[in-house]
């Protein structure tokens, strides 16, 4: 993976973090996104799964194409930062899925 692809994946990860936070904050302050809790939950679960798919793909790339892994990162610090960014994206996606699942199974009176 060359430096340009790594930068593109970093930007994509940051955008996904922003999207997940925006969804979570919006549902915290608004009663519903679409007018129905079930549809909000479905959208949130799909969004959370999409967000979590990117760090999973990055991990698969690192595991299966690890021959050139020492050349991907300029230092061990950049490798740790890259791993931390992927863990943060997974954490955000877990929060989105949790919020969406609670919306999906919530009883509306």
N, C-alpha and C. Protein backbone atom coordinates (compact mmCIF):
# COMPACT_ATOMS: atom_id res chain seq x y z
N UNK A 1 0.86 -1.16 0.00
CA UNK A 1 0.00 0.00 0.00
C UNK A 1 0.91 1.22 0.00
N UNK A 2 0.75 2.07 -0.97
CA UNK A 2 1.60 3.24 -1.02
C UNK A 2 1.04 4.34 -0.13
N UNK A 3 1.81 5.39 0.02
CA UNK A 3 1.46 6.46 0.94
C UNK A 3 0.15 7.16 0.55
N UNK A 4 -0.09 7.31 -0.75
CA UNK A 4 -1.31 7.99 -1.20
C UNK A 4 -2.56 7.17 -0.83
N UNK A 5 -2.50 5.85 -0.99
CA UNK A 5 -3.64 5.01 -0.60
C UNK A 5 -3.87 5.04 0.89
N UNK A 6 -2.79 5.09 1.66
CA UNK A 6 -2.90 5.15 3.12
C UNK A 6 -3.55 6.47 3.54
N UNK A 7 -3.19 7.57 2.88
CA UNK A 7 -3.81 8.86 3.18
C UNK A 7 -5.29 8.86 2.81
N UNK A 8 -5.63 8.24 1.68
CA UNK A 8 -7.03 8.16 1.27
C UNK A 8 -7.84 7.36 2.29
N UNK A 9 -7.27 6.25 2.77
CA UNK A 9 -7.98 5.45 3.76
C UNK A 9 -8.11 6.19 5.08
N UNK A 10 -7.14 7.02 5.42
CA UNK A 10 -7.22 7.82 6.64
C UNK A 10 -8.34 8.84 6.52
N UNK A 11 -8.43 9.50 5.39
CA UNK A 11 -9.50 10.48 5.18
C UNK A 11 -10.85 9.78 5.22
N UNK A 12 -10.96 8.62 4.60
CA UNK A 12 -12.21 7.86 4.62
C UNK A 12 -12.59 7.50 6.05
N UNK A 13 -11.63 7.08 6.85
CA UNK A 13 -11.91 6.73 8.24
C UNK A 13 -12.39 7.94 9.03
N UNK A 14 -11.77 9.09 8.81
CA UNK A 14 -12.20 10.29 9.52
C UNK A 14 -13.60 10.72 9.11
N UNK A 15 -13.94 10.57 7.83
CA UNK A 15 -15.29 10.89 7.37
C UNK A 15 -16.30 9.94 8.01
N UNK A 16 -15.96 8.67 8.10
CA UNK A 16 -16.87 7.70 8.72
C UNK A 16 -17.07 7.98 10.20
N UNK A 17 -16.01 8.42 10.89
CA UNK A 17 -16.14 8.80 12.29
C UNK A 17 -17.10 9.97 12.41
N UNK A 18 -16.94 10.96 11.56
CA UNK A 18 -17.83 12.12 11.58
C UNK A 18 -19.27 11.74 11.29
N UNK A 19 -19.48 10.84 10.34
CA UNK A 19 -20.82 10.39 9.99
C UNK A 19 -21.47 9.64 11.16
N UNK A 20 -20.71 8.78 11.81
CA UNK A 20 -21.25 8.04 12.95
C UNK A 20 -21.58 8.95 14.12
N UNK A 21 -20.72 9.91 14.39
CA UNK A 21 -20.97 10.85 15.48
C UNK A 21 -22.18 11.72 15.15
N UNK A 22 -22.28 12.17 13.90
CA UNK A 22 -23.41 13.01 13.49
C UNK A 22 -24.73 12.25 13.65
N UNK A 23 -24.76 10.99 13.25
CA UNK A 23 -25.98 10.18 13.40
C UNK A 23 -26.34 10.03 14.88
N UNK A 24 -25.35 9.72 15.70
CA UNK A 24 -25.62 9.51 17.13
C UNK A 24 -26.09 10.79 17.80
N UNK A 25 -25.44 11.91 17.51
CA UNK A 25 -25.82 13.18 18.12
C UNK A 25 -27.20 13.62 17.65
N UNK A 26 -27.48 13.43 16.36
CA UNK A 26 -28.79 13.82 15.84
C UNK A 26 -29.89 13.04 16.52
N UNK A 27 -29.72 11.74 16.70
CA UNK A 27 -30.75 10.96 17.36
C UNK A 27 -30.83 11.23 18.86
N UNK A 28 -29.76 11.75 19.43
CA UNK A 28 -29.79 12.11 20.84
C UNK A 28 -30.67 13.35 21.05
N UNK A 29 -30.58 14.31 20.14
CA UNK A 29 -31.32 15.55 20.29
C UNK A 29 -32.69 15.55 19.62
N UNK A 30 -32.92 14.69 18.66
CA UNK A 30 -34.20 14.62 17.96
C UNK A 30 -34.90 13.32 18.33
N UNK A 31 -36.21 13.33 18.41
CA UNK A 31 -36.91 12.09 18.76
C UNK A 31 -36.80 11.03 17.66
N UNK A 32 -36.78 11.44 16.41
CA UNK A 32 -36.67 10.47 15.32
C UNK A 32 -36.07 11.14 14.09
N UNK A 33 -35.48 10.34 13.27
CA UNK A 33 -34.84 10.83 12.05
C UNK A 33 -35.82 10.81 10.87
N UNK A 34 -36.58 9.74 10.76
CA UNK A 34 -37.48 9.57 9.62
C UNK A 34 -38.95 9.62 10.00
N UNK A 35 -39.25 9.65 11.26
CA UNK A 35 -40.63 9.64 11.69
C UNK A 35 -41.04 8.32 12.32
N UNK A 36 -40.24 7.29 12.14
CA UNK A 36 -40.54 5.99 12.73
C UNK A 36 -39.30 5.39 13.37
N UNK A 37 -39.46 4.84 14.56
CA UNK A 37 -38.32 4.28 15.27
C UNK A 37 -37.74 3.06 14.55
N UNK A 38 -38.60 2.25 13.96
CA UNK A 38 -38.09 1.05 13.29
C UNK A 38 -37.23 1.41 12.08
N UNK A 39 -37.66 2.35 11.29
CA UNK A 39 -36.87 2.76 10.13
C UNK A 39 -35.57 3.43 10.57
N UNK A 40 -35.62 4.22 11.64
CA UNK A 40 -34.41 4.82 12.20
C UNK A 40 -33.42 3.74 12.63
N UNK A 41 -33.94 2.70 13.26
CA UNK A 41 -33.09 1.60 13.70
C UNK A 41 -32.47 0.84 12.55
N UNK A 42 -33.25 0.58 11.52
CA UNK A 42 -32.72 -0.14 10.37
C UNK A 42 -31.62 0.67 9.68
N UNK A 43 -31.87 1.96 9.50
CA UNK A 43 -30.86 2.82 8.88
C UNK A 43 -29.60 2.85 9.73
N UNK A 44 -29.76 2.95 11.03
CA UNK A 44 -28.60 3.01 11.92
C UNK A 44 -27.80 1.72 11.94
N UNK A 45 -28.47 0.58 11.94
CA UNK A 45 -27.74 -0.70 11.93
C UNK A 45 -26.96 -0.85 10.63
N UNK A 46 -27.59 -0.53 9.51
CA UNK A 46 -26.88 -0.62 8.23
C UNK A 46 -25.71 0.36 8.20
N UNK A 47 -25.91 1.57 8.69
CA UNK A 47 -24.83 2.55 8.74
C UNK A 47 -23.69 2.06 9.64
N UNK A 48 -24.02 1.52 10.80
CA UNK A 48 -22.99 1.01 11.70
C UNK A 48 -22.21 -0.15 11.10
N UNK A 49 -22.90 -1.04 10.41
CA UNK A 49 -22.21 -2.15 9.76
C UNK A 49 -21.31 -1.66 8.62
N UNK A 50 -21.78 -0.65 7.89
CA UNK A 50 -20.95 -0.08 6.83
C UNK A 50 -19.71 0.59 7.40
N UNK A 51 -19.89 1.32 8.49
CA UNK A 51 -18.75 1.99 9.12
C UNK A 51 -17.74 0.96 9.62
N UNK A 52 -18.21 -0.12 10.20
CA UNK A 52 -17.28 -1.12 10.74
C UNK A 52 -16.63 -1.98 9.66
N UNK A 53 -17.17 -1.96 8.45
CA UNK A 53 -16.57 -2.77 7.39
C UNK A 53 -15.22 -2.23 6.94
N UNK A 54 -15.00 -0.94 7.03
CA UNK A 54 -13.73 -0.37 6.57
C UNK A 54 -12.55 -0.76 7.45
N UNK A 55 -12.63 -0.66 8.78
CA UNK A 55 -11.50 -1.13 9.58
C UNK A 55 -11.28 -2.64 9.45
N UNK A 56 -12.37 -3.38 9.25
CA UNK A 56 -12.22 -4.83 9.06
C UNK A 56 -11.47 -5.12 7.76
N UNK A 57 -11.77 -4.36 6.71
CA UNK A 57 -11.05 -4.53 5.45
C UNK A 57 -9.59 -4.13 5.60
N UNK A 58 -9.33 -3.06 6.36
CA UNK A 58 -7.94 -2.65 6.59
C UNK A 58 -7.17 -3.72 7.35
N UNK A 59 -7.81 -4.34 8.33
CA UNK A 59 -7.16 -5.42 9.08
C UNK A 59 -6.88 -6.62 8.18
N UNK A 60 -7.83 -6.96 7.33
CA UNK A 60 -7.62 -8.08 6.40
C UNK A 60 -6.47 -7.78 5.45
N UNK A 61 -6.39 -6.54 4.98
CA UNK A 61 -5.27 -6.15 4.12
C UNK A 61 -3.95 -6.31 4.85
N UNK A 62 -3.92 -5.87 6.09
CA UNK A 62 -2.66 -5.96 6.85
C UNK A 62 -2.28 -7.41 7.14
N UNK A 63 -3.27 -8.26 7.37
CA UNK A 63 -2.96 -9.65 7.69
C UNK A 63 -2.54 -10.45 6.45
N UNK A 64 -3.23 -10.25 5.34
CA UNK A 64 -2.95 -11.05 4.16
C UNK A 64 -1.84 -10.49 3.29
N UNK A 65 -1.60 -9.20 3.38
CA UNK A 65 -0.54 -8.58 2.58
C UNK A 65 0.53 -7.99 3.47
N UNK A 66 0.89 -8.70 4.50
CA UNK A 66 1.82 -8.16 5.48
C UNK A 66 3.27 -8.22 5.04
N UNK A 67 3.55 -8.79 3.90
CA UNK A 67 4.93 -8.84 3.43
C UNK A 67 5.53 -7.45 3.31
N UNK A 68 4.75 -6.51 2.83
CA UNK A 68 5.26 -5.15 2.65
C UNK A 68 4.84 -4.20 3.74
N UNK A 69 4.44 -4.74 4.89
CA UNK A 69 3.89 -3.89 5.94
C UNK A 69 4.94 -2.93 6.52
N UNK A 70 6.19 -3.34 6.57
CA UNK A 70 7.20 -2.46 7.13
C UNK A 70 7.45 -1.25 6.24
N UNK A 71 7.05 -1.33 4.98
CA UNK A 71 7.25 -0.21 4.07
C UNK A 71 6.04 0.73 4.03
N UNK A 72 4.92 0.33 4.60
CA UNK A 72 3.71 1.15 4.57
C UNK A 72 3.83 2.36 5.49
N UNK A 73 4.43 2.16 6.62
CA UNK A 73 4.48 3.20 7.64
C UNK A 73 5.90 3.71 7.79
N UNK A 74 6.02 5.02 7.97
CA UNK A 74 7.35 5.61 8.07
C UNK A 74 8.00 5.33 9.43
N UNK A 75 7.17 5.06 10.45
CA UNK A 75 7.71 4.76 11.77
C UNK A 75 6.73 3.88 12.52
N UNK A 76 7.16 3.38 13.66
CA UNK A 76 6.26 2.60 14.50
C UNK A 76 5.15 3.47 15.06
N UNK A 77 5.45 4.74 15.26
CA UNK A 77 4.43 5.67 15.77
C UNK A 77 3.29 5.81 14.77
N UNK A 78 3.60 5.92 13.49
CA UNK A 78 2.53 6.04 12.49
C UNK A 78 1.72 4.76 12.40
N UNK A 79 2.35 3.61 12.60
CA UNK A 79 1.62 2.34 12.60
C UNK A 79 0.66 2.27 13.79
N UNK A 80 1.11 2.74 14.95
CA UNK A 80 0.26 2.74 16.14
C UNK A 80 -0.90 3.72 15.97
N UNK A 81 -0.63 4.88 15.37
CA UNK A 81 -1.70 5.85 15.12
C UNK A 81 -2.72 5.29 14.14
N UNK A 82 -2.26 4.58 13.12
CA UNK A 82 -3.16 3.97 12.14
C UNK A 82 -4.04 2.91 12.81
N UNK A 83 -3.44 2.09 13.65
CA UNK A 83 -4.20 1.08 14.38
C UNK A 83 -5.19 1.73 15.34
N UNK A 84 -4.78 2.80 16.01
CA UNK A 84 -5.68 3.51 16.92
C UNK A 84 -6.87 4.12 16.18
N UNK A 85 -6.62 4.66 15.00
CA UNK A 85 -7.70 5.22 14.20
C UNK A 85 -8.71 4.14 13.82
N UNK A 86 -8.23 2.96 13.45
CA UNK A 86 -9.12 1.86 13.10
C UNK A 86 -9.92 1.39 14.30
N UNK A 87 -9.31 1.34 15.47
CA UNK A 87 -10.03 0.96 16.69
C UNK A 87 -11.09 2.00 17.03
N UNK A 88 -10.77 3.28 16.85
CA UNK A 88 -11.74 4.34 17.09
C UNK A 88 -12.93 4.23 16.15
N UNK A 89 -12.68 3.92 14.89
CA UNK A 89 -13.78 3.74 13.93
C UNK A 89 -14.65 2.56 14.35
N UNK A 90 -14.04 1.47 14.80
CA UNK A 90 -14.82 0.32 15.28
C UNK A 90 -15.65 0.68 16.52
N UNK A 91 -15.08 1.48 17.40
CA UNK A 91 -15.81 1.90 18.60
C UNK A 91 -17.02 2.76 18.22
N UNK A 92 -16.82 3.70 17.34
CA UNK A 92 -17.92 4.56 16.88
C UNK A 92 -19.00 3.72 16.21
N UNK A 93 -18.59 2.76 15.39
CA UNK A 93 -19.59 1.92 14.72
C UNK A 93 -20.37 1.08 15.73
N UNK A 94 -19.71 0.63 16.78
CA UNK A 94 -20.39 -0.12 17.82
C UNK A 94 -21.43 0.74 18.54
N UNK A 95 -21.08 2.00 18.78
CA UNK A 95 -22.02 2.92 19.42
C UNK A 95 -23.22 3.16 18.51
N UNK A 96 -22.97 3.35 17.22
CA UNK A 96 -24.06 3.58 16.26
C UNK A 96 -24.98 2.36 16.21
N UNK A 97 -24.40 1.17 16.17
CA UNK A 97 -25.21 -0.05 16.13
C UNK A 97 -26.02 -0.20 17.42
N UNK A 98 -25.43 0.13 18.56
CA UNK A 98 -26.14 0.03 19.83
C UNK A 98 -27.33 0.99 19.87
N UNK A 99 -27.10 2.24 19.49
CA UNK A 99 -28.17 3.23 19.48
C UNK A 99 -29.27 2.80 18.51
N UNK A 100 -28.87 2.33 17.33
CA UNK A 100 -29.86 1.92 16.33
C UNK A 100 -30.65 0.70 16.80
N UNK A 101 -29.99 -0.23 17.46
CA UNK A 101 -30.69 -1.41 17.94
C UNK A 101 -31.69 -1.05 19.02
N UNK A 102 -31.33 -0.13 19.90
CA UNK A 102 -32.29 0.28 20.92
C UNK A 102 -33.47 1.00 20.28
N UNK A 103 -33.23 1.75 19.21
CA UNK A 103 -34.34 2.37 18.48
C UNK A 103 -35.21 1.32 17.82
N UNK A 104 -34.57 0.30 17.29
CA UNK A 104 -35.30 -0.74 16.55
C UNK A 104 -36.22 -1.54 17.45
N UNK A 105 -35.78 -1.83 18.66
CA UNK A 105 -36.59 -2.68 19.55
C UNK A 105 -37.40 -1.87 20.56
N UNK A 106 -37.30 -0.55 20.49
CA UNK A 106 -38.03 0.30 21.44
C UNK A 106 -39.53 0.16 21.23
N UNK A 107 -40.23 0.16 22.33
CA UNK A 107 -41.69 0.13 22.26
C UNK A 107 -42.21 1.55 22.16
N UNK A 108 -43.01 1.76 21.17
CA UNK A 108 -43.62 3.08 21.02
C UNK A 108 -45.05 3.00 21.49
N UNK A 109 -45.42 3.92 22.30
CA UNK A 109 -46.77 3.92 22.89
C UNK A 109 -47.62 4.95 22.22
